[in-house]
Protein backbone atom coordinates (compact mmCIF):
# COMPACT_ATOMS: atom_id res chain seq x y z
CA MET A 1 -21.18 27.68 55.81
CA ILE A 2 -20.91 30.62 53.40
CA SER A 3 -17.14 30.87 53.90
CA LYS A 4 -16.75 27.14 53.25
CA MET A 5 -18.82 27.38 50.07
CA ALA A 6 -16.82 30.39 48.95
CA ALA A 7 -13.56 28.59 49.62
CA ALA A 8 -14.77 25.53 47.72
CA THR A 9 -15.92 27.69 44.81
CA GLY A 10 -12.62 29.58 44.78
CA PHE A 11 -10.68 26.31 44.76
CA SER A 12 -12.82 24.98 41.90
CA VAL A 13 -12.22 28.13 39.85
CA LEU A 14 -8.49 27.93 40.52
CA ALA A 15 -8.40 24.25 39.56
CA LEU A 16 -10.30 25.01 36.34
CA ALA A 17 -7.87 27.81 35.53
CA VAL A 18 -4.90 25.46 35.98
CA ILE A 19 -6.52 22.85 33.72
CA LEU A 20 -7.24 25.42 30.99
CA LEU A 21 -3.92 27.26 31.31
CA PRO A 22 -2.31 25.46 28.31
CA LEU A 23 -5.05 26.96 26.10
CA VAL A 24 -3.82 30.51 25.70
CA GLN A 25 -6.89 32.67 25.17
CA SER A 26 -7.11 36.20 23.86
CA GLY A 27 -10.44 37.81 23.11
CA ASN A 28 -12.78 35.13 21.77
CA GLN A 29 -10.05 32.97 20.23
CA ALA A 30 -8.63 30.00 22.16
CA TRP A 31 -5.15 28.81 21.20
CA PRO A 32 -3.75 26.63 19.82
CA MET A 33 -6.13 26.66 16.88
CA PRO A 34 -7.69 23.17 16.51
CA TYR A 35 -7.05 21.51 13.16
CA LYS A 36 -10.27 21.37 11.15
CA ARG A 37 -11.37 17.93 10.02
CA LEU A 38 -13.75 17.43 7.11
CA ALA A 39 -16.71 15.08 6.77
CA SER A 40 -14.98 13.37 3.83
CA ARG A 41 -12.04 13.86 1.50
CA PRO A 42 -12.75 16.28 -1.38
CA PRO A 43 -12.13 14.99 -4.93
CA GLN A 44 -8.76 15.82 -6.44
CA ASN A 45 -8.67 18.67 -8.92
CA PRO A 46 -6.86 17.83 -12.20
CA TYR A 47 -5.17 21.25 -12.02
CA CYS A 48 -3.01 19.88 -9.19
CA GLN A 49 -0.12 17.73 -10.36
CA ALA A 50 2.52 15.91 -8.30
CA GLY A 51 5.34 16.68 -10.73
CA VAL A 52 8.46 14.51 -10.69
CA VAL A 53 7.39 11.99 -8.03
CA PRO A 54 3.78 10.69 -8.17
CA PHE A 55 1.98 10.08 -4.91
CA CYS A 56 2.10 6.50 -3.58
CA PRO A 57 2.94 4.84 -6.93
CA THR A 58 3.09 1.27 -5.58
CA GLY A 59 0.61 1.66 -2.72
CA ARG A 60 -2.70 0.05 -1.97
CA ALA A 61 -5.93 1.67 -3.13
CA PRO A 62 -7.58 4.09 -0.67
CA ASN A 63 -9.53 2.50 2.19
CA THR A 64 -8.03 -0.97 1.64
CA MET A 65 -5.87 -1.39 4.74
CA PRO A 66 -4.77 -4.99 5.37
CA HIS A 67 -6.39 -6.89 8.25
CA PHE A 68 -5.06 -9.87 10.21
CA LYS A 69 -6.27 -12.59 12.53
CA PRO A 70 -6.83 -11.14 16.03
CA THR A 71 -4.22 -13.45 17.59
CA ASP A 72 -1.49 -12.66 15.02
CA GLN A 73 1.61 -10.76 16.09
CA LEU A 74 3.16 -7.68 14.47
CA TYR A 75 6.29 -5.62 15.13
CA VAL A 76 6.20 -1.85 14.66
CA TYR A 77 9.18 0.23 13.47
CA ALA A 78 9.89 3.95 13.50
CA MET A 79 11.64 4.96 10.27
CA LYS A 80 13.31 8.19 9.20
CA ALA A 81 15.20 9.27 6.08
CA PRO A 82 16.42 12.63 4.76
CA VAL A 83 13.87 14.58 2.75
CA TRP A 84 14.49 14.29 -1.01
CA GLU A 85 17.23 11.72 -0.42
CA PHE A 86 16.83 10.56 -4.03
CA LYS A 87 18.13 13.97 -5.13
CA PHE A 88 20.37 15.26 -2.32
CA GLY A 89 21.59 12.08 -0.64
CA ASP A 90 22.36 12.63 3.06
CA ARG A 91 22.85 16.41 2.81
CA LEU A 92 19.54 17.38 4.42
CA ALA A 93 20.09 14.86 7.24
CA LYS A 94 22.92 17.08 8.46
CA TYR A 95 20.29 19.76 9.13
CA HIS A 96 17.77 17.26 10.60
CA ILE A 97 15.37 17.73 7.69
CA MET A 98 13.85 14.26 7.92
CA HIS A 99 10.85 12.39 6.56
CA ASP A 100 9.06 10.02 8.94
CA ALA A 101 7.28 6.72 8.31
CA ILE A 102 6.17 3.56 10.11
CA GLY A 103 7.08 -0.03 9.28
CA PHE A 104 5.18 -3.21 10.15
CA HIS A 105 6.39 -6.82 10.22
CA HIS A 106 3.73 -9.54 10.29
CA VAL A 107 5.35 -12.39 12.21
CA GLN A 108 3.17 -15.24 10.95
CA SER A 109 3.68 -14.53 7.23
CA GLY A 110 6.98 -12.66 7.32
CA ALA A 111 5.39 -9.85 5.28
CA ASN A 112 6.58 -6.26 5.74
CA PHE A 113 4.62 -3.06 5.12
CA THR A 114 5.58 0.62 5.02
CA MET A 115 3.17 3.42 5.91
CA GLU A 116 3.76 7.13 5.47
CA TRP A 117 1.69 10.30 5.27
CA TYR A 118 2.81 13.01 2.88
CA GLU A 119 1.82 15.56 0.24
CA LEU A 120 -0.20 14.50 -2.78
CA TYR A 121 1.38 17.26 -4.87
CA GLN A 122 4.79 17.79 -3.24
CA LEU A 123 5.84 20.11 -0.43
CA PHE A 124 6.08 23.44 -2.25
CA ASN A 125 2.53 23.15 -3.58
CA CYS A 126 1.24 22.38 -0.10
CA THR A 127 3.08 25.35 1.42
CA PHE A 128 2.28 28.13 -1.06
CA ALA A 129 -0.79 28.73 -3.23
CA HIS A 130 -0.87 29.08 -7.00
CA VAL A 131 -1.73 32.61 -8.15
CA LEU A 132 -4.20 32.31 -11.02
CA LYS A 133 -4.66 34.71 -13.93
CA ASN A 134 -7.94 35.99 -12.48
CA ASP A 135 -6.08 37.20 -9.35
CA THR A 136 -7.28 34.47 -7.03
CA LEU A 137 -5.37 31.79 -5.14
CA PHE A 138 -5.67 28.06 -5.76
CA TRP A 139 -4.35 25.48 -3.30
CA CYS A 140 -3.01 22.01 -4.06
CA ASN A 141 -2.49 21.12 -0.42
CA GLN A 142 -3.95 17.69 0.25
CA GLY A 143 -1.90 15.06 2.06
CA ALA A 144 -2.73 11.40 2.60
CA ALA A 145 -1.54 8.10 4.02
CA CYS A 146 0.15 5.57 1.76
CA ILE A 147 0.74 1.91 2.59
CA TYR A 148 2.75 -0.43 0.38
CA ASN A 149 4.44 -3.81 0.58
CA GLY A 150 7.97 -4.16 1.90
CA ILE A 151 10.47 -2.13 3.93
CA ASP A 152 13.46 -0.72 2.06
CA GLU A 153 15.96 -1.26 4.88
CA LYS A 154 18.86 0.36 3.03
CA HIS A 155 16.82 3.52 2.36
CA TRP A 156 15.87 3.99 6.02
CA LYS A 157 19.08 2.75 7.68
CA GLN A 158 21.71 4.33 5.43
CA ASN A 159 21.18 7.96 6.41
CA GLY A 160 18.34 7.76 8.88
CA THR A 161 16.62 5.48 11.38
CA LEU A 162 14.97 2.08 11.43
CA VAL A 163 14.22 0.95 14.99
CA LYS A 164 11.65 -1.37 16.52
CA VAL A 165 9.35 0.54 18.86
CA ALA A 166 6.36 -1.69 19.62
CA ASP A 167 4.62 -5.07 19.52
CA MET A 168 0.94 -5.44 18.74
CA SER A 169 -1.63 -8.15 18.11
CA GLY A 170 -3.59 -8.54 14.90
CA ASP A 171 -6.64 -7.26 16.78
CA VAL A 172 -4.81 -4.05 17.72
CA PHE A 173 -3.61 -3.61 14.14
CA ASN A 174 -7.13 -4.07 12.80
CA GLN A 175 -8.37 -1.31 15.13
CA PHE A 176 -5.48 0.86 13.97
CA ALA A 177 -6.36 0.11 10.32
CA ASN A 178 -9.91 1.35 10.91
CA TRP A 179 -8.56 4.44 12.69
CA THR A 180 -6.20 5.09 9.76
CA GLU A 181 -9.00 5.17 7.21
CA GLN A 182 -11.09 7.52 9.36
CA ASP A 183 -8.10 9.77 10.07
CA ASN A 184 -7.06 9.78 6.42
CA ASN A 185 -10.52 10.64 5.11
CA THR A 186 -11.12 13.56 7.49
CA GLY A 187 -7.70 15.15 8.13
CA VAL A 188 -6.84 15.91 4.53
CA TYR A 189 -4.96 19.21 4.34
CA TYR A 190 -1.18 19.35 4.71
CA GLU A 191 0.11 22.08 7.02
CA THR A 192 3.84 22.80 6.77
CA TRP A 193 4.32 25.34 9.53
CA THR A 194 4.35 25.14 13.30
CA VAL A 195 3.56 28.65 14.53
CA ARG A 196 4.61 29.68 18.03
CA SER A 197 4.94 32.92 19.97
CA LYS A 198 8.61 32.13 20.68
CA PRO A 199 10.87 29.07 20.99
CA ASP A 200 9.26 26.80 23.62
CA GLY A 201 6.47 29.37 23.89
CA PRO A 202 2.70 29.04 23.43
CA LEU A 203 1.54 27.36 20.24
CA TRP A 204 -0.70 29.19 17.78
CA PHE A 205 -0.96 26.61 14.96
CA ASP A 206 0.31 23.04 14.85
CA SER A 207 1.63 21.47 11.68
CA TRP A 208 -0.05 18.51 9.98
CA GLU A 209 2.53 16.51 8.06
CA CYS A 210 4.53 13.27 8.13
CA ALA A 211 5.97 13.74 11.62
CA THR A 212 2.73 14.74 13.33
CA TRP A 213 1.00 11.83 11.57
CA VAL A 214 3.52 9.37 13.06
CA ILE A 215 3.08 10.89 16.52
CA ARG A 216 -0.71 10.71 16.09
CA ALA A 217 -0.54 7.13 14.78
CA PHE A 218 1.65 5.93 17.65
CA ALA A 219 -0.79 7.51 20.13
CA ALA A 220 -3.68 5.64 18.47
CA MET A 221 -1.76 2.34 18.59
CA GLY A 222 -1.05 2.88 22.27
CA LYS A 223 -4.70 3.59 22.94
CA PHE A 224 -5.70 0.33 21.22
CA GLY A 225 -3.19 -1.72 23.23
CA ALA A 226 0.17 -1.77 21.43
CA LYS A 227 3.11 -2.24 23.82
CA PHE A 228 5.81 0.38 23.20
CA ASP A 229 9.47 0.29 24.17
CA THR A 230 9.67 3.63 25.97
CA SER A 231 13.48 3.42 26.16
CA VAL A 232 13.55 4.40 22.47
CA HIS A 233 13.88 8.17 22.01
CA LEU A 234 12.73 9.77 18.77
CA ASN A 235 13.05 13.30 17.42
CA TYR A 236 10.91 14.92 14.73
CA THR A 237 11.53 17.82 12.34
CA ARG A 238 9.56 21.04 12.86
CA MET A 239 9.51 24.07 10.56
CA ASN A 240 8.71 26.93 12.91
CA ILE A 241 7.44 30.46 12.42
CA TYR A 242 7.51 32.82 15.41
CA SER A 243 4.75 35.37 15.64
CA LYS A 244 2.71 37.60 17.88
CA GLU A 245 -0.95 36.63 18.13
CA PRO A 246 -2.22 35.82 14.60
CA VAL A 247 -4.84 38.08 13.04
CA LEU A 248 -7.75 36.45 11.20
CA LEU A 249 -8.27 38.03 7.77
CA GLY A 250 -11.09 35.86 6.39
CA ASN A 251 -11.62 33.12 3.83
CA ALA A 252 -11.10 33.23 0.08
CA SER A 253 -14.65 34.45 -0.57
CA THR A 254 -14.54 37.37 1.86
CA ILE A 255 -11.06 38.47 0.75
CA PHE A 256 -11.16 38.02 -3.03
CA ASN A 257 -14.87 38.43 -3.73
CA GLY A 258 -15.59 41.18 -1.25
CA THR A 259 -14.76 44.84 -0.87
CA GLU A 260 -11.33 44.35 0.74
CA LYS A 261 -9.37 45.12 -2.44
CA LYS A 262 -6.30 46.39 -0.59
CA LEU A 263 -6.13 43.26 1.57
CA ALA A 264 -6.66 41.00 -1.46
CA ASN A 265 -3.79 42.73 -3.28
CA GLU A 266 -1.50 42.36 -0.26
CA VAL A 267 -2.18 38.62 0.02
CA LEU A 268 -1.75 38.13 -3.73
CA LYS A 269 1.48 40.12 -3.70
CA PHE A 270 2.83 37.88 -0.92
CA TYR A 271 2.06 34.60 -2.68
CA ARG A 272 3.39 35.84 -6.03
CA LEU A 273 6.81 35.81 -4.39
CA PHE A 274 6.60 32.03 -3.99
CA GLN A 275 5.56 30.88 -7.46
CA SER A 276 7.52 28.05 -9.02
CA HIS A 277 9.13 28.09 -12.46
CA GLN A 278 10.50 31.63 -12.18
CA SER A 279 13.50 32.73 -14.20
CA MET A 280 16.71 33.06 -12.20
CA PRO A 281 16.69 36.91 -12.14
CA HIS A 282 13.01 36.92 -11.16
CA LEU A 283 13.64 34.24 -8.52
CA ILE A 284 16.43 36.29 -6.90
CA GLU A 285 14.19 39.35 -6.93
CA SER A 286 11.37 37.35 -5.32
CA MET A 287 13.66 35.93 -2.62
CA LEU A 288 14.88 39.42 -1.67
CA ALA A 289 11.31 40.72 -1.60
CA ALA A 290 10.19 37.74 0.53
CA PHE A 291 13.00 38.44 3.00
CA TRP A 292 11.94 42.09 3.23
CA GLU A 293 8.27 41.20 3.66
CA THR A 294 8.73 38.54 6.34
CA VAL A 295 11.85 39.58 8.27
CA VAL A 296 12.05 43.37 7.87
CA GLU A 297 8.34 44.21 7.73
CA GLY A 298 7.42 41.18 9.84
CA LYS A 299 4.41 39.92 7.87
CA PHE A 300 3.54 36.38 6.79
CA TYR A 301 0.18 35.33 5.33
CA LEU A 302 -0.75 31.84 6.54
CA PHE A 303 -3.53 29.66 5.14
CA TYR A 304 -4.93 27.36 7.83
CA ASN A 305 -8.35 25.70 8.19
CA GLU A 306 -9.35 27.28 4.84
CA GLN A 307 -8.85 30.77 6.28
CA TYR A 308 -6.13 33.38 5.87
CA TRP A 309 -4.22 34.73 8.84
CA MET A 310 -1.65 37.49 9.12
CA LEU A 311 1.29 36.52 11.31
CA PRO A 312 3.15 39.48 12.88
CA ILE A 313 6.61 37.87 12.69
CA VAL A 314 9.01 38.27 15.64
CA GLN A 315 12.58 37.11 16.26
CA PRO A 316 13.98 34.56 15.65
CA HIS A 317 11.51 34.69 12.72
CA PHE A 318 11.96 31.16 11.32
CA LYS A 319 13.74 28.15 12.77
CA LEU A 320 14.14 24.48 12.02
CA THR A 321 13.98 22.31 15.17
CA TYR A 322 14.42 18.60 15.83
CA GLU A 323 12.25 17.92 18.85
CA GLY A 324 11.89 14.84 21.02
CA TYR A 325 8.49 13.23 21.66
CA PRO A 326 8.07 10.27 24.04
CA LEU A 327 6.49 7.05 22.87
CA PRO A 328 3.19 6.03 24.49
CA GLY A 329 3.83 4.41 27.86
């Protein structure tokens, strides 16, 4: 009896280990780091400005998703276009630097809608903090969903993708609309970087941007009952950093208002390299210093879940990937 119980216990432990294996654990920290959701979206600070392109200029007001009759029918489209196509045309498409969105066609009315999730204040502001005159860092890193009327077929087809991926009822869309508002109000901070130990290696931090929103949205639609065409294969852009296990440094209060003056100066020095509106000589100097800091010295200071982490960078350091993700089946 004891041997049978021991065998059963041993099997249970082994099974549990297999289930938990994808969560790489070191010390008290389980990886990948879960993305931190908030109870509600913080108000926007007037210091943060979008710059050239305002956020969602023709979109619906927040928390006003359309709703349809439960028996209505909608088609769902995956849409991709090169980042900053308005400025660079198709150049970035050659490097698979793509922006992702979702299109909807309401069969009964013929109406089309476009949905996308992106930065409120543009990518650079979401990736690097502003260094203020009082030697503190200020982040303009919120992202949000935007839904607006129409689908600009030329924009998505010309240098990218516009392909039907699913059918859904009005009831399924209405559930998705409710999910969208909850997701949009709680997952508010844009995260540019995917941080891994090595290519195809364990994940430390996942990104939170347009591509991961589409993947997340498709998963929600599938859960609610949308029927996907799994013969369609889609790839998504990832901006990767490769690092040994990240080291937690603390939050803004513990670093900049505490006794860690040396650490505060190191973090400030790093982010000063990535300030916008630098003169050309200063910009070249900053780029060379950033290369030395990240590639030669192997240090990158990441802000994630409102905490600062030091990433011990390893080869291949940084890499852009275009990775395939299956549609819900």
